[in-house]
Amino acid sequence: SDWAVEALCAALRPAVWPECPAHPDSHPLEAGVRGGVVWWSCPRTRQ
């Protein structure tokens, strides 16, 4: 995700990956372990 954000910025594109569907153009999702599996989740709501 860090690589993608930098690469998007260098390509002059919105620097958000993976994009949070609840907050477009705001922040990327975060990867984290929940229930033994890895989810992309909203960092604001933890959804």
All heavy atoms as atom14 arrays in JSON, in Angstrom:
{
  "sequence": "SDWAVEALCAALRPAVWPECPAHPDSHPLEAGVRGGVVWWSCPRTRQ",
  "atom14_mask": [
    [1, 1, 1, 1, 1, 1, 0, 0, 0, 0, 0, 0, 0, 0],
    [1, 1, 1, 1, 1, 1, 1, 1, 0, 0, 0, 0, 0, 0],
    [1, 1, 1, 1, 1, 1, 1, 1, 1, 1, 1, 1, 1, 1],
    [1, 1, 1, 1, 1, 0, 0, 0, 0, 0, 0, 0, 0, 0],
    [1, 1, 1, 1, 1, 1, 1, 0, 0, 0, 0, 0, 0, 0],
    [1, 1, 1, 1, 1, 1, 1, 1, 1, 0, 0, 0, 0, 0],
    [1, 1, 1, 1, 1, 0, 0, 0, 0, 0, 0, 0, 0, 0],
    [1, 1, 1, 1, 1, 1, 1, 1, 0, 0, 0, 0, 0, 0],
    [1, 1, 1, 1, 1, 1, 0, 0, 0, 0, 0, 0, 0, 0],
    [1, 1, 1, 1, 1, 0, 0, 0, 0, 0, 0, 0, 0, 0],
    [1, 1, 1, 1, 1, 0, 0, 0, 0, 0, 0, 0, 0, 0],
    [1, 1, 1, 1, 1, 1, 1, 1, 0, 0, 0, 0, 0, 0],
    [1, 1, 1, 1, 1, 1, 1, 1, 1, 1, 1, 0, 0, 0],
    [1, 1, 1, 1, 1, 1, 1, 0, 0, 0, 0, 0, 0, 0],
    [1, 1, 1, 1, 1, 0, 0, 0, 0, 0, 0, 0, 0, 0],
    [1, 1, 1, 1, 1, 1, 1, 0, 0, 0, 0, 0, 0, 0],
    [1, 1, 1, 1, 1, 1, 1, 1, 1, 1, 1, 1, 1, 1],
    [1, 1, 1, 1, 1, 1, 1, 0, 0, 0, 0, 0, 0, 0],
    [1, 1, 1, 1, 1, 1, 1, 1, 1, 0, 0, 0, 0, 0],
    [1, 1, 1, 1, 1, 1, 0, 0, 0, 0, 0, 0, 0, 0],
    [1, 1, 1, 1, 1, 1, 1, 0, 0, 0, 0, 0, 0, 0],
    [1, 1, 1, 1, 1, 0, 0, 0, 0, 0, 0, 0, 0, 0],
    [1, 1, 1, 1, 1, 1, 1, 1, 1, 1, 0, 0, 0, 0],
    [1, 1, 1, 1, 1, 1, 1, 0, 0, 0, 0, 0, 0, 0],
    [1, 1, 1, 1, 1, 1, 1, 1, 0, 0, 0, 0, 0, 0],
    [1, 1, 1, 1, 1, 1, 0, 0, 0, 0, 0, 0, 0, 0],
    [1, 1, 1, 1, 1, 1, 1, 1, 1, 1, 0, 0, 0, 0],
    [1, 1, 1, 1, 1, 1, 1, 0, 0, 0, 0, 0, 0, 0],
    [1, 1, 1, 1, 1, 1, 1, 1, 0, 0, 0, 0, 0, 0],
    [1, 1, 1, 1, 1, 1, 1, 1, 1, 0, 0, 0, 0, 0],
    [1, 1, 1, 1, 1, 0, 0, 0, 0, 0, 0, 0, 0, 0],
    [1, 1, 1, 1, 0, 0, 0, 0, 0, 0, 0, 0, 0, 0],
    [1, 1, 1, 1, 1, 1, 1, 0, 0, 0, 0, 0, 0, 0],
    [1, 1, 1, 1, 1, 1, 1, 1, 1, 1, 1, 0, 0, 0],
    [1, 1, 1, 1, 0, 0, 0, 0, 0, 0, 0, 0, 0, 0],
    [1, 1, 1, 1, 0, 0, 0, 0, 0, 0, 0, 0, 0, 0],
    [1, 1, 1, 1, 1, 1, 1, 0, 0, 0, 0, 0, 0, 0],
    [1, 1, 1, 1, 1, 1, 1, 0, 0, 0, 0, 0, 0, 0],
    [1, 1, 1, 1, 1, 1, 1, 1, 1, 1, 1, 1, 1, 1],
    [1, 1, 1, 1, 1, 1, 1, 1, 1, 1, 1, 1, 1, 1],
    [1, 1, 1, 1, 1, 1, 0, 0, 0, 0, 0, 0, 0, 0],
    [1, 1, 1, 1, 1, 1, 0, 0, 0, 0, 0, 0, 0, 0],
    [1, 1, 1, 1, 1, 1, 1, 0, 0, 0, 0, 0, 0, 0],
    [1, 1, 1, 1, 1, 1, 1, 1, 1, 1, 1, 0, 0, 0],
    [1, 1, 1, 1, 1, 1, 1, 0, 0, 0, 0, 0, 0, 0],
    [1, 1, 1, 1, 1, 1, 1, 1, 1, 1, 1, 0, 0, 0],
    [1, 1, 1, 1, 1, 1, 1, 1, 1, 0, 0, 0, 0, 0]
  ],
  "atom14_positions": [
    [[0.84, -1.19, 0.0], [0.0, 0.0, 0.0], [0.88, 1.25, 0.0], [0.6, 2.21, -0.73], [-0.93, 0.0, 1.21], [-1.7, 1.19, 1.24], [0.0, 0.0, 0.0], [0.0, 0.0, 0.0], [0.0, 0.0, 0.0], [0.0, 0.0, 0.0], [0.0, 0.0, 0.0], [0.0, 0.0, 0.0], [0.0, 0.0, 0.0], [0.0, 0.0, 0.0]],
    [[1.93, 1.24, 0.8], [2.86, 2.38, 0.82], [3.47, 2.59, -0.56], [3.59, 3.72, -1.04], [3.96, 2.16, 1.86], [3.46, 2.22, 3.29], [2.33, 2.71, 3.52], [4.2, 1.77, 4.19], [0.0, 0.0, 0.0], [0.0, 0.0, 0.0], [0.0, 0.0, 0.0], [0.0, 0.0, 0.0], [0.0, 0.0, 0.0], [0.0, 0.0, 0.0]],
    [[3.88, 1.48, -1.22], [4.44, 1.58, -2.56], [3.41, 2.2, -3.5], [3.72, 3.11, -4.28], [4.88, 0.21, -3.11], [5.24, 0.32, -4.55], [6.46, 0.69, -5.07], [4.37, 0.15, -5.68], [6.38, 0.74, -6.43], [5.12, 0.42, -6.83], [3.03, -0.21, -5.81], [4.57, 0.34, -8.11], [2.48, -0.28, -7.08], [3.25, -0.01, -8.22]],
    [[2.18, 1.7, -3.46], [1.14, 2.16, -4.38], [0.85, 3.64, -4.2], [0.7, 4.37, -5.19], [-0.13, 1.34, -4.2], [0.0, 0.0, 0.0], [0.0, 0.0, 0.0], [0.0, 0.0, 0.0], [0.0, 0.0, 0.0], [0.0, 0.0, 0.0], [0.0, 0.0, 0.0], [0.0, 0.0, 0.0], [0.0, 0.0, 0.0], [0.0, 0.0, 0.0]],
    [[0.78, 4.1, -2.97], [0.52, 5.52, -2.71], [1.64, 6.38, -3.33], [1.36, 7.39, -4.0], [0.38, 5.78, -1.2], [0.44, 7.26, -0.88], [-0.93, 5.18, -0.7], [0.0, 0.0, 0.0], [0.0, 0.0, 0.0], [0.0, 0.0, 0.0], [0.0, 0.0, 0.0], [0.0, 0.0, 0.0], [0.0, 0.0, 0.0], [0.0, 0.0, 0.0]],
    [[2.88, 5.98, -3.15], [4.0, 6.73, -3.73], [3.97, 6.67, -5.26], [4.21, 7.68, -5.94], [5.33, 6.18, -3.21], [5.55, 6.42, -1.73], [5.62, 7.9, -1.36], [6.18, 8.7, -2.16], [5.12, 8.26, -0.29], [0.0, 0.0, 0.0], [0.0, 0.0, 0.0], [0.0, 0.0, 0.0], [0.0, 0.0, 0.0], [0.0, 0.0, 0.0]],
    [[3.7, 5.49, -5.82], [3.65, 5.34, -7.27], [2.51, 6.14, -7.87], [2.66, 6.74, -8.95], [3.53, 3.86, -7.64], [0.0, 0.0, 0.0], [0.0, 0.0, 0.0], [0.0, 0.0, 0.0], [0.0, 0.0, 0.0], [0.0, 0.0, 0.0], [0.0, 0.0, 0.0], [0.0, 0.0, 0.0], [0.0, 0.0, 0.0], [0.0, 0.0, 0.0]],
    [[1.36, 6.15, -7.22], [0.23, 6.95, -7.7], [0.57, 8.44, -7.68], [0.26, 9.17, -8.63], [-1.01, 6.66, -6.86], [-1.67, 5.31, -7.12], [-2.61, 4.96, -5.96], [-2.41, 5.32, -8.44], [0.0, 0.0, 0.0], [0.0, 0.0, 0.0], [0.0, 0.0, 0.0], [0.0, 0.0, 0.0], [0.0, 0.0, 0.0], [0.0, 0.0, 0.0]],
    [[1.19, 8.87, -6.62], [1.6, 10.28, -6.51], [2.57, 10.64, -7.64], [2.42, 11.67, -8.29], [2.22, 10.53, -5.15], [2.65, 12.25, -4.85], [0.0, 0.0, 0.0], [0.0, 0.0, 0.0], [0.0, 0.0, 0.0], [0.0, 0.0, 0.0], [0.0, 0.0, 0.0], [0.0, 0.0, 0.0], [0.0, 0.0, 0.0], [0.0, 0.0, 0.0]],
    [[3.55, 9.78, -7.88], [4.52, 10.02, -8.95], [3.86, 10.06, -10.32], [4.31, 10.76, -11.22], [5.61, 8.96, -8.91], [0.0, 0.0, 0.0], [0.0, 0.0, 0.0], [0.0, 0.0, 0.0], [0.0, 0.0, 0.0], [0.0, 0.0, 0.0], [0.0, 0.0, 0.0], [0.0, 0.0, 0.0], [0.0, 0.0, 0.0], [0.0, 0.0, 0.0]],
    [[2.78, 9.31, -10.48], [2.04, 9.29, -11.75], [1.0, 10.41, -11.82], [0.2, 10.45, -12.76], [1.36, 7.93, -11.92], [0.0, 0.0, 0.0], [0.0, 0.0, 0.0], [0.0, 0.0, 0.0], [0.0, 0.0, 0.0], [0.0, 0.0, 0.0], [0.0, 0.0, 0.0], [0.0, 0.0, 0.0], [0.0, 0.0, 0.0], [0.0, 0.0, 0.0]],
    [[1.01, 11.3, -10.82], [0.08, 12.43, -10.75], [-1.38, 11.98, -10.72], [-2.26, 12.59, -11.31], [0.32, 13.41, -11.9], [1.74, 13.97, -12.0], [1.88, 14.85, -13.21], [2.14, 14.7, -10.72], [0.0, 0.0, 0.0], [0.0, 0.0, 0.0], [0.0, 0.0, 0.0], [0.0, 0.0, 0.0], [0.0, 0.0, 0.0], [0.0, 0.0, 0.0]],
    [[-1.62, 10.89, -9.99], [-2.96, 10.37, -9.78], [-3.3, 10.52, -8.3], [-2.41, 10.69, -7.48], [-3.03, 8.89, -10.18], [-2.83, 8.68, -11.67], [-2.87, 7.2, -11.98], [-2.89, 6.94, -13.4], [-3.99, 6.69, -14.09], [-5.16, 6.66, -13.51], [-3.93, 6.45, -15.38], [0.0, 0.0, 0.0], [0.0, 0.0, 0.0], [0.0, 0.0, 0.0]],
    [[-4.58, 10.43, -7.94], [-4.92, 10.48, -6.51], [-4.15, 9.4, -5.75], [-4.19, 8.23, -6.1], [-6.43, 10.22, -6.5], [-6.89, 10.66, -7.85], [-5.76, 10.33, -8.79], [0.0, 0.0, 0.0], [0.0, 0.0, 0.0], [0.0, 0.0, 0.0], [0.0, 0.0, 0.0], [0.0, 0.0, 0.0], [0.0, 0.0, 0.0], [0.0, 0.0, 0.0]],
    [[-3.45, 9.82, -4.73], [-2.53, 8.94, -4.0], [-3.24, 8.23, -2.85], [-2.92, 8.44, -1.68], [-1.32, 9.72, -3.51], [0.0, 0.0, 0.0], [0.0, 0.0, 0.0], [0.0, 0.0, 0.0], [0.0, 0.0, 0.0], [0.0, 0.0, 0.0], [0.0, 0.0, 0.0], [0.0, 0.0, 0.0], [0.0, 0.0, 0.0], [0.0, 0.0, 0.0]],
    [[-4.2, 7.4, -3.19], [-4.95, 6.64, -2.19], [-5.14, 5.22, -2.72], [-5.82, 5.01, -3.73], [-6.34, 7.27, -1.93], [-7.12, 6.46, -0.92], [-6.21, 8.71, -1.47], [0.0, 0.0, 0.0], [0.0, 0.0, 0.0], [0.0, 0.0, 0.0], [0.0, 0.0, 0.0], [0.0, 0.0, 0.0], [0.0, 0.0, 0.0], [0.0, 0.0, 0.0]],
    [[-4.5, 4.24, -2.05], [-4.71, 2.82, -2.4], [-4.44, 1.96, -1.19], [-3.43, 2.15, -0.52], [-3.82, 2.36, -3.56], [-4.22, 0.97, -3.96], [-5.19, 0.64, -4.84], [-3.73, -0.27, -3.44], [-5.34, -0.73, -4.92], [-4.43, -1.31, -4.05], [-2.75, -0.62, -2.5], [-4.21, -2.65, -3.78], [-2.53, -1.96, -2.22], [-3.25, -2.96, -2.87]],
    [[-5.31, 0.98, -0.96], [-6.62, 0.82, -1.58], [-7.59, 1.87, -1.03], [-7.57, 2.18, 0.15], [-7.03, -0.59, -1.2], [-6.26, -0.93, 0.03], [-5.01, -0.11, -0.02], [0.0, 0.0, 0.0], [0.0, 0.0, 0.0], [0.0, 0.0, 0.0], [0.0, 0.0, 0.0], [0.0, 0.0, 0.0], [0.0, 0.0, 0.0], [0.0, 0.0, 0.0]],
    [[-8.41, 2.38, -1.9], [-9.31, 3.46, -1.54], [-10.44, 2.96, -0.64], [-11.05, 1.93, -0.9], [-9.89, 4.09, -2.79], [-10.73, 5.31, -2.5], [-11.16, 6.03, -3.76], [-11.31, 5.37, -4.81], [-11.36, 7.23, -3.67], [0.0, 0.0, 0.0], [0.0, 0.0, 0.0], [0.0, 0.0, 0.0], [0.0, 0.0, 0.0], [0.0, 0.0, 0.0]],
    [[-10.72, 3.71, 0.39], [-11.82, 3.39, 1.3], [-13.13, 3.75, 0.61], [-13.35, 4.92, 0.27], [-11.69, 4.17, 2.6], [-13.03, 3.87, 3.77], [0.0, 0.0, 0.0], [0.0, 0.0, 0.0], [0.0, 0.0, 0.0], [0.0, 0.0, 0.0], [0.0, 0.0, 0.0], [0.0, 0.0, 0.0], [0.0, 0.0, 0.0], [0.0, 0.0, 0.0]],
    [[-14.02, 2.78, 0.4], [-15.28, 3.1, -0.29], [-16.2, 4.0, 0.52], [-17.02, 4.7, -0.05], [-15.92, 1.72, -0.52], [-15.29, 0.82, 0.47], [-13.91, 1.36, 0.74], [0.0, 0.0, 0.0], [0.0, 0.0, 0.0], [0.0, 0.0, 0.0], [0.0, 0.0, 0.0], [0.0, 0.0, 0.0], [0.0, 0.0, 0.0], [0.0, 0.0, 0.0]],
    [[-16.05, 4.02, 1.83], [-16.89, 4.87, 2.67], [-16.4, 6.32, 2.7], [-17.17, 7.22, 3.02], [-16.95, 4.32, 4.09], [0.0, 0.0, 0.0], [0.0, 0.0, 0.0], [0.0, 0.0, 0.0], [0.0, 0.0, 0.0], [0.0, 0.0, 0.0], [0.0, 0.0, 0.0], [0.0, 0.0, 0.0], [0.0, 0.0, 0.0], [0.0, 0.0, 0.0]],
    [[-15.14, 6.52, 2.35], [-14.54, 7.86, 2.4], [-13.67, 8.07, 1.15], [-12.44, 8.14, 1.26], [-13.71, 8.03, 3.67], [-14.45, 7.69, 4.92], [-14.26, 6.51, 5.61], [-15.42, 8.36, 5.57], [-15.06, 6.48, 6.66], [-15.78, 7.59, 6.66], [0.0, 0.0, 0.0], [0.0, 0.0, 0.0], [0.0, 0.0, 0.0], [0.0, 0.0, 0.0]],
    [[-14.26, 8.17, -0.03], [-13.48, 8.29, -1.27], [-12.53, 9.48, -1.25], [-12.83, 10.53, -0.67], [-14.56, 8.48, -2.35], [-15.81, 7.95, -1.74], [-15.69, 8.19, -0.26], [0.0, 0.0, 0.0], [0.0, 0.0, 0.0], [0.0, 0.0, 0.0], [0.0, 0.0, 0.0], [0.0, 0.0, 0.0], [0.0, 0.0, 0.0], [0.0, 0.0, 0.0]],
    [[-11.38, 9.29, -1.88], [-10.34, 10.32, -1.99], [-9.88, 10.86, -0.64], [-9.39, 11.98, -0.55], [-10.8, 11.48, -2.88], [-11.05, 11.04, -4.31], [-10.29, 10.19, -4.8], [-12.0, 11.55, -4.93], [0.0, 0.0, 0.0], [0.0, 0.0, 0.0], [0.0, 0.0, 0.0], [0.0, 0.0, 0.0], [0.0, 0.0, 0.0], [0.0, 0.0, 0.0]],
    [[-10.05, 10.08, 0.4], [-9.72, 10.54, 1.75], [-8.52, 9.81, 2.33], [-7.56, 10.43, 2.75], [-10.94, 10.37, 2.65], [-10.65, 10.71, 3.97], [0.0, 0.0, 0.0], [0.0, 0.0, 0.0], [0.0, 0.0, 0.0], [0.0, 0.0, 0.0], [0.0, 0.0, 0.0], [0.0, 0.0, 0.0], [0.0, 0.0, 0.0], [0.0, 0.0, 0.0]],
    [[-8.61, 8.49, 2.38], [-7.53, 7.7, 2.99], [-7.58, 6.28, 2.44], [-8.63, 5.81, 2.0], [-7.67, 7.67, 4.52], [-8.98, 7.12, 4.97], [-10.02, 7.92, 5.36], [-9.44, 5.85, 5.08], [-11.05, 7.17, 5.7], [-10.74, 5.9, 5.53], [0.0, 0.0, 0.0], [0.0, 0.0, 0.0], [0.0, 0.0, 0.0], [0.0, 0.0, 0.0]],
    [[-6.42, 5.62, 2.5], [-6.41, 4.21, 2.1], [-6.95, 3.32, 3.21], [-6.99, 3.71, 4.38], [-4.93, 3.92, 1.85], [-4.18, 4.94, 2.61], [-5.08, 6.14, 2.76], [0.0, 0.0, 0.0], [0.0, 0.0, 0.0], [0.0, 0.0, 0.0], [0.0, 0.0, 0.0], [0.0, 0.0, 0.0], [0.0, 0.0, 0.0], [0.0, 0.0, 0.0]],
    [[-7.37, 2.14, 2.8], [-7.72, 1.11, 3.78], [-6.45, 0.63, 4.45], [-5.35, 0.8, 3.92], [-8.4, -0.06, 3.07], [-9.72, 0.26, 2.36], [-10.16, -0.92, 1.51], [-10.79, 0.64, 3.36], [0.0, 0.0, 0.0], [0.0, 0.0, 0.0], [0.0, 0.0, 0.0], [0.0, 0.0, 0.0], [0.0, 0.0, 0.0], [0.0, 0.0, 0.0]],
    [[-6.59, 0.02, 5.61], [-5.45, -0.56, 6.33], [-5.61, -2.06, 6.4], [-6.72, -2.57, 6.59], [-5.38, -0.01, 7.76], [-5.03, 1.45, 7.83], [-4.96, 1.96, 9.26], [-5.45, 1.27, 10.18], [-4.43, 3.05, 9.45], [0.0, 0.0, 0.0], [0.0, 0.0, 0.0], [0.0, 0.0, 0.0], [0.0, 0.0, 0.0], [0.0, 0.0, 0.0]],
    [[-4.51, -2.77, 6.28], [-4.53, -4.22, 6.41], [-4.32, -4.58, 7.87], [-3.46, -4.01, 8.54], [-3.44, -4.85, 5.55], [0.0, 0.0, 0.0], [0.0, 0.0, 0.0], [0.0, 0.0, 0.0], [0.0, 0.0, 0.0], [0.0, 0.0, 0.0], [0.0, 0.0, 0.0], [0.0, 0.0, 0.0], [0.0, 0.0, 0.0], [0.0, 0.0, 0.0]],
    [[-5.11, -5.53, 8.36], [-4.96, -5.98, 9.73], [-5.61, -7.34, 9.94], [-6.48, -7.74, 9.16], [0.0, 0.0, 0.0], [0.0, 0.0, 0.0], [0.0, 0.0, 0.0], [0.0, 0.0, 0.0], [0.0, 0.0, 0.0], [0.0, 0.0, 0.0], [0.0, 0.0, 0.0], [0.0, 0.0, 0.0], [0.0, 0.0, 0.0], [0.0, 0.0, 0.0]],
    [[-5.16, -8.01, 10.97], [-5.66, -9.34, 11.27], [-6.88, -9.22, 12.17], [-6.86, -8.51, 13.18], [-4.57, -10.19, 11.96], [-5.09, -11.58, 12.29], [-3.32, -10.26, 11.1], [0.0, 0.0, 0.0], [0.0, 0.0, 0.0], [0.0, 0.0, 0.0], [0.0, 0.0, 0.0], [0.0, 0.0, 0.0], [0.0, 0.0, 0.0], [0.0, 0.0, 0.0]],
    [[-7.94, -9.92, 11.78], [-9.17, -9.95, 12.55], [-9.74, -11.36, 12.44], [-9.98, -11.84, 11.34], [-10.16, -8.94, 11.99], [-11.45, -8.85, 12.78], [-12.42, -7.89, 12.15], [-11.91, -6.53, 12.29], [-12.67, -5.46, 12.37], [-13.98, -5.58, 12.3], [-12.16, -4.27, 12.51], [0.0, 0.0, 0.0], [0.0, 0.0, 0.0], [0.0, 0.0, 0.0]],
    [[-9.91, -12.01, 13.56], [-10.43, -13.37, 13.55], [-9.54, -14.36, 12.82], [-10.02, -15.31, 12.24], [0.0, 0.0, 0.0], [0.0, 0.0, 0.0], [0.0, 0.0, 0.0], [0.0, 0.0, 0.0], [0.0, 0.0, 0.0], [0.0, 0.0, 0.0], [0.0, 0.0, 0.0], [0.0, 0.0, 0.0], [0.0, 0.0, 0.0], [0.0, 0.0, 0.0]],
    [[-8.24, -14.09, 12.83], [-7.28, -14.99, 12.19], [-7.13, -14.82, 10.69], [-6.37, -15.54, 10.07], [0.0, 0.0, 0.0], [0.0, 0.0, 0.0], [0.0, 0.0, 0.0], [0.0, 0.0, 0.0], [0.0, 0.0, 0.0], [0.0, 0.0, 0.0], [0.0, 0.0, 0.0], [0.0, 0.0, 0.0], [0.0, 0.0, 0.0], [0.0, 0.0, 0.0]],
    [[-7.87, -13.87, 10.09], [-7.74, -13.58, 8.66], [-7.38, -12.11, 8.48], [-7.55, -11.3, 9.38], [-9.02, -13.94, 7.87], [-9.3, -15.43, 7.91], [-10.21, -13.18, 8.4], [0.0, 0.0, 0.0], [0.0, 0.0, 0.0], [0.0, 0.0, 0.0], [0.0, 0.0, 0.0], [0.0, 0.0, 0.0], [0.0, 0.0, 0.0], [0.0, 0.0, 0.0]],
    [[-6.9, -11.79, 7.29], [-6.41, -10.43, 7.03], [-7.42, -9.67, 6.18], [-7.77, -10.09, 5.08], [-5.03, -10.45, 6.36], [-4.48, -9.04, 6.23], [-4.06, -11.32, 7.16], [0.0, 0.0, 0.0], [0.0, 0.0, 0.0], [0.0, 0.0, 0.0], [0.0, 0.0, 0.0], [0.0, 0.0, 0.0], [0.0, 0.0, 0.0], [0.0, 0.0, 0.0]],
    [[-7.87, -8.57, 6.74], [-8.86, -7.7, 6.11], [-8.25, -6.36, 5.73], [-7.38, -5.85, 6.43], [-10.0, -7.41, 7.09], [-10.89, -8.55, 7.38], [-10.75, -9.47, 8.37], [-12.1, -8.87, 6.7], [-11.79, -10.36, 8.34], [-12.64, -10.01, 7.32], [-12.77, -8.31, 5.61], [-13.82, -10.59, 6.89], [-13.95, -8.9, 5.2], [-14.46, -10.03, 5.83]],
    [[-8.76, -5.78, 4.66], [-8.6, -4.35, 4.42], [-9.76, -3.69, 5.15], [-10.92, -4.06, 4.94], [-8.71, -4.02, 2.93], [-7.58, -4.51, 2.07], [-7.64, -5.48, 1.12], [-6.24, -4.0, 2.04], [-6.42, -5.62, 0.51], [-5.54, -4.72, 1.06], [-5.57, -3.01, 2.76], [-4.2, -4.48, 0.76], [-4.23, -2.78, 2.47], [-3.56, -3.51, 1.49]],
    [[-9.48, -2.74, 6.04], [-10.51, -2.08, 6.84], [-10.33, -0.57, 6.8], [-9.23, -0.06, 6.61], [-10.43, -2.54, 8.31], [-10.63, -3.92, 8.41], [0.0, 0.0, 0.0], [0.0, 0.0, 0.0], [0.0, 0.0, 0.0], [0.0, 0.0, 0.0], [0.0, 0.0, 0.0], [0.0, 0.0, 0.0], [0.0, 0.0, 0.0], [0.0, 0.0, 0.0]],
    [[-11.43, 0.13, 7.04], [-11.4, 1.59, 7.15], [-10.65, 1.96, 8.42], [-11.01, 1.48, 9.5], [-12.81, 2.15, 7.17], [-12.88, 3.93, 7.49], [0.0, 0.0, 0.0], [0.0, 0.0, 0.0], [0.0, 0.0, 0.0], [0.0, 0.0, 0.0], [0.0, 0.0, 0.0], [0.0, 0.0, 0.0], [0.0, 0.0, 0.0], [0.0, 0.0, 0.0]],
    [[-9.64, 2.83, 8.35], [-8.93, 3.21, 9.56], [-9.75, 4.1, 10.5], [-9.45, 4.19, 11.68], [-7.69, 3.94, 9.05], [-8.09, 4.45, 7.7], [-9.07, 3.44, 7.15], [0.0, 0.0, 0.0], [0.0, 0.0, 0.0], [0.0, 0.0, 0.0], [0.0, 0.0, 0.0], [0.0, 0.0, 0.0], [0.0, 0.0, 0.0], [0.0, 0.0, 0.0]],
    [[-10.79, 4.73, 9.98], [-11.63, 5.59, 10.82], [-12.66, 4.78, 11.6], [-12.83, 4.96, 12.8], [-12.37, 6.63, 9.97], [-11.49, 7.72, 9.45], [-12.33, 8.77, 8.76], [-11.47, 9.72, 8.06], [-11.9, 10.56, 7.16], [-13.18, 10.59, 6.83], [-11.08, 11.39, 6.57], [0.0, 0.0, 0.0], [0.0, 0.0, 0.0], [0.0, 0.0, 0.0]],
    [[-13.37, 3.91, 10.89], [-14.47, 3.17, 11.52], [-14.08, 1.76, 11.95], [-14.83, 1.13, 12.68], [-15.65, 3.04, 10.53], [-15.24, 2.21, 9.42], [-16.11, 4.4, 10.04], [0.0, 0.0, 0.0], [0.0, 0.0, 0.0], [0.0, 0.0, 0.0], [0.0, 0.0, 0.0], [0.0, 0.0, 0.0], [0.0, 0.0, 0.0], [0.0, 0.0, 0.0]],
    [[-12.95, 1.28, 11.45], [-12.47, -0.09, 11.69], [-13.38, -1.13, 11.02], [-13.26, -2.31, 11.27], [-12.31, -0.41, 13.18], [-11.36, 0.5, 13.89], [-9.96, 0.23, 13.43], [-9.02, 1.13, 14.1], [-7.98, 1.66, 13.51], [-7.72, 1.39, 12.27], [-7.19, 2.47, 14.17], [0.0, 0.0, 0.0], [0.0, 0.0, 0.0], [0.0, 0.0, 0.0]],
    [[-14.29, -0.69, 10.17], [-15.19, -1.59, 9.46], [-14.41, -2.35, 8.38], [-13.76, -1.74, 7.55], [-16.33, -0.81, 8.81], [-17.31, -1.65, 8.06], [-18.11, -2.57, 8.98], [-18.42, -2.22, 10.11], [-18.43, -3.75, 8.49], [0.0, 0.0, 0.0], [0.0, 0.0, 0.0], [0.0, 0.0, 0.0], [0.0, 0.0, 0.0], [0.0, 0.0, 0.0]]
  ]
}
